[in-house]
């Protein structure tokens, strides 16, 4: 699910791959790409579930203005994944509701 040869941007260059974890599962993704793009490339389309009706949400605006793509990243809820770059060893969790910060006991 990636555009490798874009009609305007041209052919994509090799990029460094890093390890991340999404809902406990390991993935290798391109370092520095937006989290949402990395997830879509790995067929992960749901970022969160709404609080009241528990409906799935994924990327919508793609520019950080809405909150449809928010996820819990490294124990911090409500991270807009469409504008947050991937870093090695990120722990990403599908968010349910408004998210709650996880605090070490």
Foldseek 3Di string as FASTA:
>chain_A
DDDQADPPVGGDDDADWAWEAEQRHIDTAGFFAQQLVRCVVVVNAFQEAAAPPRHTFGDDPLPPPDQRNWWQKPQRTSDRRSPDTDDHYIYTYRYYHRHDRDDDD
